[in-house]
Amino acid sequence: MPNTPKTKRQKTDAPSQRGAARSARGKRNRPASLSEVLDAAEQLDSESQTELVAILNRRLAERGRNRVVVDVQQARREFAEGQCERKTAAEIVREALS
């Protein structure tokens, strides 16, 4: 079997591509506006647009998971420090509705 180099599939959200997107905007130090991003997305073929949506969904899900982790850590700290009161579900609902 000949020793041929293997090609790797590039990740679509790789840092090098993110850098390329930044340099495509020029040397401005501000983030692209939503309209600029939408215009750039319109230039992509259908497959790339689908992949872009998938990447954004994964990143949003990851941010959501990170927020939950932070909230749970804070709740555990507050509980350990005795800052929480024991309440029944009915009491919590009653307070939420008042």
N, C-alpha and C. Protein backbone atom coordinates (compact mmCIF):
# COMPACT_ATOMS: atom_id res chain seq x y z
N MET A 1 0.84 -1.18 0.00
CA MET A 1 0.00 0.00 0.00
C MET A 1 0.89 1.24 0.00
N PRO A 2 0.66 2.16 -0.94
CA PRO A 2 1.51 3.35 -1.00
C PRO A 2 1.27 4.26 0.21
N ASN A 3 2.28 4.97 0.56
CA ASN A 3 2.22 5.86 1.71
C ASN A 3 1.73 7.24 1.25
N THR A 4 0.41 7.40 1.18
CA THR A 4 -0.17 8.67 0.72
C THR A 4 -0.63 9.47 1.91
N PRO A 5 -0.49 10.79 1.84
CA PRO A 5 -0.93 11.62 2.96
C PRO A 5 -2.45 11.59 3.07
N LYS A 6 -2.92 11.56 4.29
CA LYS A 6 -4.35 11.58 4.53
C LYS A 6 -4.82 13.02 4.62
N THR A 7 -5.97 13.28 4.06
CA THR A 7 -6.52 14.63 4.16
C THR A 7 -7.46 14.68 5.34
N LYS A 8 -7.40 15.75 6.06
CA LYS A 8 -8.28 15.94 7.20
C LYS A 8 -9.44 16.81 6.80
N ARG A 9 -10.61 16.49 7.32
CA ARG A 9 -11.77 17.34 7.09
C ARG A 9 -11.65 18.55 7.99
N GLN A 10 -11.72 19.72 7.41
CA GLN A 10 -11.61 20.93 8.20
C GLN A 10 -12.86 21.14 9.01
N LYS A 11 -12.70 21.57 10.25
CA LYS A 11 -13.84 21.95 11.06
C LYS A 11 -14.31 23.30 10.55
N THR A 12 -15.62 23.45 10.44
CA THR A 12 -16.14 24.70 9.89
C THR A 12 -16.07 25.85 10.88
N ASP A 13 -15.89 25.54 12.16
CA ASP A 13 -15.78 26.64 13.12
C ASP A 13 -14.37 26.71 13.69
N ALA A 14 -13.40 26.31 12.91
CA ALA A 14 -12.00 26.34 13.33
C ALA A 14 -11.53 27.78 13.50
N PRO A 15 -10.58 27.99 14.42
CA PRO A 15 -10.09 29.35 14.65
C PRO A 15 -9.56 30.03 13.40
N SER A 16 -8.91 29.27 12.51
CA SER A 16 -8.34 29.90 11.32
C SER A 16 -9.43 30.50 10.45
N GLN A 17 -10.57 29.83 10.38
CA GLN A 17 -11.66 30.38 9.58
C GLN A 17 -12.30 31.57 10.28
N ARG A 18 -12.34 31.53 11.61
CA ARG A 18 -12.87 32.69 12.31
C ARG A 18 -11.97 33.88 12.07
N GLY A 19 -10.66 33.65 12.07
CA GLY A 19 -9.71 34.73 11.81
C GLY A 19 -9.87 35.27 10.40
N ALA A 20 -10.11 34.38 9.46
CA ALA A 20 -10.31 34.80 8.07
C ALA A 20 -11.54 35.68 7.95
N ALA A 21 -12.58 35.33 8.71
CA ALA A 21 -13.80 36.14 8.68
C ALA A 21 -13.52 37.52 9.24
N ARG A 22 -12.71 37.58 10.29
CA ARG A 22 -12.37 38.88 10.87
C ARG A 22 -11.56 39.72 9.87
N SER A 23 -10.57 39.08 9.23
CA SER A 23 -9.74 39.85 8.32
C SER A 23 -10.52 40.25 7.07
N ALA A 24 -11.56 39.51 6.73
CA ALA A 24 -12.38 39.87 5.57
C ALA A 24 -13.12 41.18 5.81
N ARG A 25 -13.35 41.51 7.08
CA ARG A 25 -14.03 42.77 7.40
C ARG A 25 -13.06 43.94 7.35
N GLY A 26 -11.81 43.66 7.20
CA GLY A 26 -10.83 44.72 7.20
C GLY A 26 -10.16 44.81 8.56
N LYS A 27 -9.50 45.91 8.80
CA LYS A 27 -8.75 46.06 10.04
C LYS A 27 -9.53 46.83 11.10
N ARG A 28 -10.84 46.81 10.97
CA ARG A 28 -11.67 47.48 11.98
C ARG A 28 -11.60 46.70 13.28
N ASN A 29 -11.66 47.41 14.38
CA ASN A 29 -11.60 46.77 15.68
C ASN A 29 -12.98 46.55 16.29
N ARG A 30 -14.02 46.77 15.54
CA ARG A 30 -15.35 46.57 16.06
C ARG A 30 -15.92 45.27 15.50
N PRO A 31 -16.83 44.65 16.24
CA PRO A 31 -17.46 43.45 15.70
C PRO A 31 -18.35 43.80 14.51
N ALA A 32 -18.58 42.84 13.67
CA ALA A 32 -19.46 43.06 12.51
C ALA A 32 -20.87 43.30 13.01
N SER A 33 -21.59 44.14 12.30
CA SER A 33 -22.99 44.38 12.67
C SER A 33 -23.83 43.19 12.22
N LEU A 34 -25.01 43.09 12.76
CA LEU A 34 -25.91 42.01 12.38
C LEU A 34 -26.19 42.04 10.89
N SER A 35 -26.39 43.22 10.33
CA SER A 35 -26.67 43.29 8.89
C SER A 35 -25.47 42.83 8.06
N GLU A 36 -24.24 43.13 8.53
CA GLU A 36 -23.05 42.66 7.82
C GLU A 36 -22.95 41.14 7.87
N VAL A 37 -23.26 40.58 9.03
CA VAL A 37 -23.21 39.13 9.18
C VAL A 37 -24.27 38.48 8.29
N LEU A 38 -25.47 39.04 8.28
CA LEU A 38 -26.53 38.49 7.43
C LEU A 38 -26.18 38.59 5.95
N ASP A 39 -25.60 39.72 5.56
CA ASP A 39 -25.17 39.87 4.17
C ASP A 39 -24.12 38.83 3.80
N ALA A 40 -23.17 38.59 4.71
CA ALA A 40 -22.13 37.59 4.46
C ALA A 40 -22.74 36.20 4.39
N ALA A 41 -23.70 35.91 5.25
CA ALA A 41 -24.35 34.60 5.24
C ALA A 41 -25.12 34.38 3.95
N GLU A 42 -25.70 35.43 3.41
CA GLU A 42 -26.42 35.34 2.14
C GLU A 42 -25.51 34.92 1.00
N GLN A 43 -24.23 35.24 1.11
CA GLN A 43 -23.27 34.90 0.06
C GLN A 43 -22.87 33.43 0.08
N LEU A 44 -23.16 32.73 1.18
CA LEU A 44 -22.80 31.32 1.31
C LEU A 44 -23.75 30.44 0.51
N ASP A 45 -23.25 29.29 0.09
CA ASP A 45 -24.14 28.34 -0.57
C ASP A 45 -25.05 27.71 0.49
N SER A 46 -26.06 27.02 0.05
CA SER A 46 -27.07 26.46 0.95
C SER A 46 -26.47 25.52 2.00
N GLU A 47 -25.53 24.69 1.57
CA GLU A 47 -24.90 23.75 2.51
C GLU A 47 -24.13 24.50 3.60
N SER A 48 -23.41 25.53 3.21
CA SER A 48 -22.66 26.32 4.19
C SER A 48 -23.59 27.08 5.13
N GLN A 49 -24.71 27.57 4.62
CA GLN A 49 -25.68 28.24 5.48
C GLN A 49 -26.24 27.27 6.51
N THR A 50 -26.52 26.05 6.09
CA THR A 50 -27.03 25.03 7.01
C THR A 50 -26.00 24.73 8.09
N GLU A 51 -24.74 24.61 7.70
CA GLU A 51 -23.67 24.36 8.67
C GLU A 51 -23.51 25.54 9.62
N LEU A 52 -23.62 26.76 9.10
CA LEU A 52 -23.54 27.95 9.95
C LEU A 52 -24.62 27.93 11.02
N VAL A 53 -25.83 27.60 10.64
CA VAL A 53 -26.94 27.52 11.60
C VAL A 53 -26.64 26.45 12.65
N ALA A 54 -26.12 25.30 12.22
CA ALA A 54 -25.80 24.23 13.16
C ALA A 54 -24.72 24.67 14.15
N ILE A 55 -23.71 25.37 13.66
CA ILE A 55 -22.63 25.86 14.52
C ILE A 55 -23.19 26.85 15.54
N LEU A 56 -24.01 27.78 15.09
CA LEU A 56 -24.59 28.77 16.01
C LEU A 56 -25.46 28.09 17.05
N ASN A 57 -26.25 27.10 16.64
CA ASN A 57 -27.09 26.37 17.60
C ASN A 57 -26.25 25.65 18.65
N ARG A 58 -25.14 25.03 18.22
CA ARG A 58 -24.27 24.34 19.18
C ARG A 58 -23.66 25.34 20.17
N ARG A 59 -23.23 26.47 19.66
CA ARG A 59 -22.62 27.48 20.54
C ARG A 59 -23.63 28.06 21.53
N LEU A 60 -24.85 28.30 21.06
CA LEU A 60 -25.89 28.81 21.96
C LEU A 60 -26.23 27.79 23.03
N ALA A 61 -26.30 26.52 22.65
CA ALA A 61 -26.58 25.46 23.62
C ALA A 61 -25.47 25.39 24.66
N GLU A 62 -24.22 25.51 24.22
CA GLU A 62 -23.08 25.47 25.14
C GLU A 62 -23.14 26.64 26.12
N ARG A 63 -23.47 27.83 25.64
CA ARG A 63 -23.61 28.99 26.54
C ARG A 63 -24.70 28.74 27.56
N GLY A 64 -25.81 28.16 27.12
CA GLY A 64 -26.90 27.85 28.04
C GLY A 64 -26.46 26.87 29.11
N ARG A 65 -25.73 25.83 28.71
CA ARG A 65 -25.23 24.86 29.69
C ARG A 65 -24.27 25.53 30.67
N ASN A 66 -23.42 26.41 30.17
CA ASN A 66 -22.49 27.11 31.06
C ASN A 66 -23.22 27.98 32.07
N ARG A 67 -24.31 28.65 31.63
CA ARG A 67 -25.10 29.46 32.57
C ARG A 67 -25.72 28.60 33.66
N VAL A 68 -26.20 27.42 33.29
CA VAL A 68 -26.79 26.51 34.28
C VAL A 68 -25.73 26.09 35.29
N VAL A 69 -24.53 25.77 34.82
CA VAL A 69 -23.44 25.37 35.72
C VAL A 69 -23.15 26.47 36.72
N VAL A 70 -23.05 27.70 36.25
CA VAL A 70 -22.77 28.84 37.13
C VAL A 70 -23.90 29.01 38.16
N ASP A 71 -25.15 28.91 37.70
CA ASP A 71 -26.29 29.06 38.61
C ASP A 71 -26.31 27.96 39.67
N VAL A 72 -26.01 26.74 39.29
CA VAL A 72 -25.99 25.63 40.25
C VAL A 72 -24.86 25.81 41.26
N GLN A 73 -23.69 26.24 40.79
CA GLN A 73 -22.57 26.48 41.70
C GLN A 73 -22.92 27.56 42.72
N GLN A 74 -23.59 28.62 42.25
CA GLN A 74 -23.98 29.70 43.15
C GLN A 74 -25.01 29.20 44.15
N ALA A 75 -25.99 28.43 43.69
CA ALA A 75 -27.01 27.90 44.59
C ALA A 75 -26.39 26.98 45.65
N ARG A 76 -25.44 26.17 45.25
CA ARG A 76 -24.78 25.28 46.21
C ARG A 76 -23.99 26.07 47.25
N ARG A 77 -23.32 27.15 46.81
CA ARG A 77 -22.59 28.00 47.75
C ARG A 77 -23.55 28.62 48.76
N GLU A 78 -24.66 29.17 48.24
CA GLU A 78 -25.65 29.80 49.12
C GLU A 78 -26.23 28.78 50.11
N PHE A 79 -26.49 27.57 49.65
CA PHE A 79 -27.02 26.53 50.53
C PHE A 79 -26.00 26.18 51.60
N ALA A 80 -24.72 26.01 51.19
CA ALA A 80 -23.67 25.66 52.14
C ALA A 80 -23.46 26.75 53.18
N GLU A 81 -23.71 28.00 52.81
CA GLU A 81 -23.54 29.13 53.72
C GLU A 81 -24.79 29.38 54.56
N GLY A 82 -25.81 28.56 54.38
CA GLY A 82 -27.03 28.68 55.16
C GLY A 82 -27.93 29.82 54.73
N GLN A 83 -27.83 30.26 53.49
CA GLN A 83 -28.63 31.37 53.00
C GLN A 83 -29.97 30.94 52.42
N CYS A 84 -30.27 29.65 52.50
CA CYS A 84 -31.51 29.13 51.90
C CYS A 84 -32.48 28.71 53.01
N GLU A 85 -33.75 28.89 52.74
CA GLU A 85 -34.79 28.46 53.66
C GLU A 85 -35.49 27.24 53.08
N ARG A 86 -35.89 26.32 53.96
CA ARG A 86 -36.67 25.18 53.50
C ARG A 86 -38.10 25.63 53.29
N LYS A 87 -38.65 25.26 52.12
CA LYS A 87 -40.03 25.61 51.81
C LYS A 87 -40.65 24.48 51.01
N THR A 88 -41.94 24.36 51.11
CA THR A 88 -42.64 23.39 50.29
C THR A 88 -42.85 23.99 48.90
N ALA A 89 -43.18 23.12 47.96
CA ALA A 89 -43.45 23.60 46.61
C ALA A 89 -44.62 24.57 46.61
N ALA A 90 -45.63 24.28 47.41
CA ALA A 90 -46.81 25.16 47.49
C ALA A 90 -46.41 26.55 47.99
N GLU A 91 -45.51 26.61 48.96
CA GLU A 91 -45.06 27.91 49.47
C GLU A 91 -44.30 28.69 48.40
N ILE A 92 -43.49 28.00 47.64
CA ILE A 92 -42.72 28.66 46.58
C ILE A 92 -43.65 29.20 45.51
N VAL A 93 -44.64 28.40 45.12
CA VAL A 93 -45.60 28.83 44.10
C VAL A 93 -46.40 30.02 44.63
N ARG A 94 -46.85 29.94 45.86
CA ARG A 94 -47.62 31.04 46.46
C ARG A 94 -46.81 32.34 46.44
N GLU A 95 -45.53 32.26 46.80
CA GLU A 95 -44.68 33.45 46.78
C GLU A 95 -44.47 33.97 45.35
N ALA A 96 -44.31 33.06 44.41
CA ALA A 96 -44.09 33.46 43.02
C ALA A 96 -45.30 34.17 42.44
N LEU A 97 -46.49 33.75 42.86
CA LEU A 97 -47.72 34.33 42.33
C LEU A 97 -48.13 35.61 43.04
N SER A 98 -47.51 35.89 44.17
CA SER A 98 -47.92 37.10 44.91
C SER A 98 -47.15 38.32 44.50
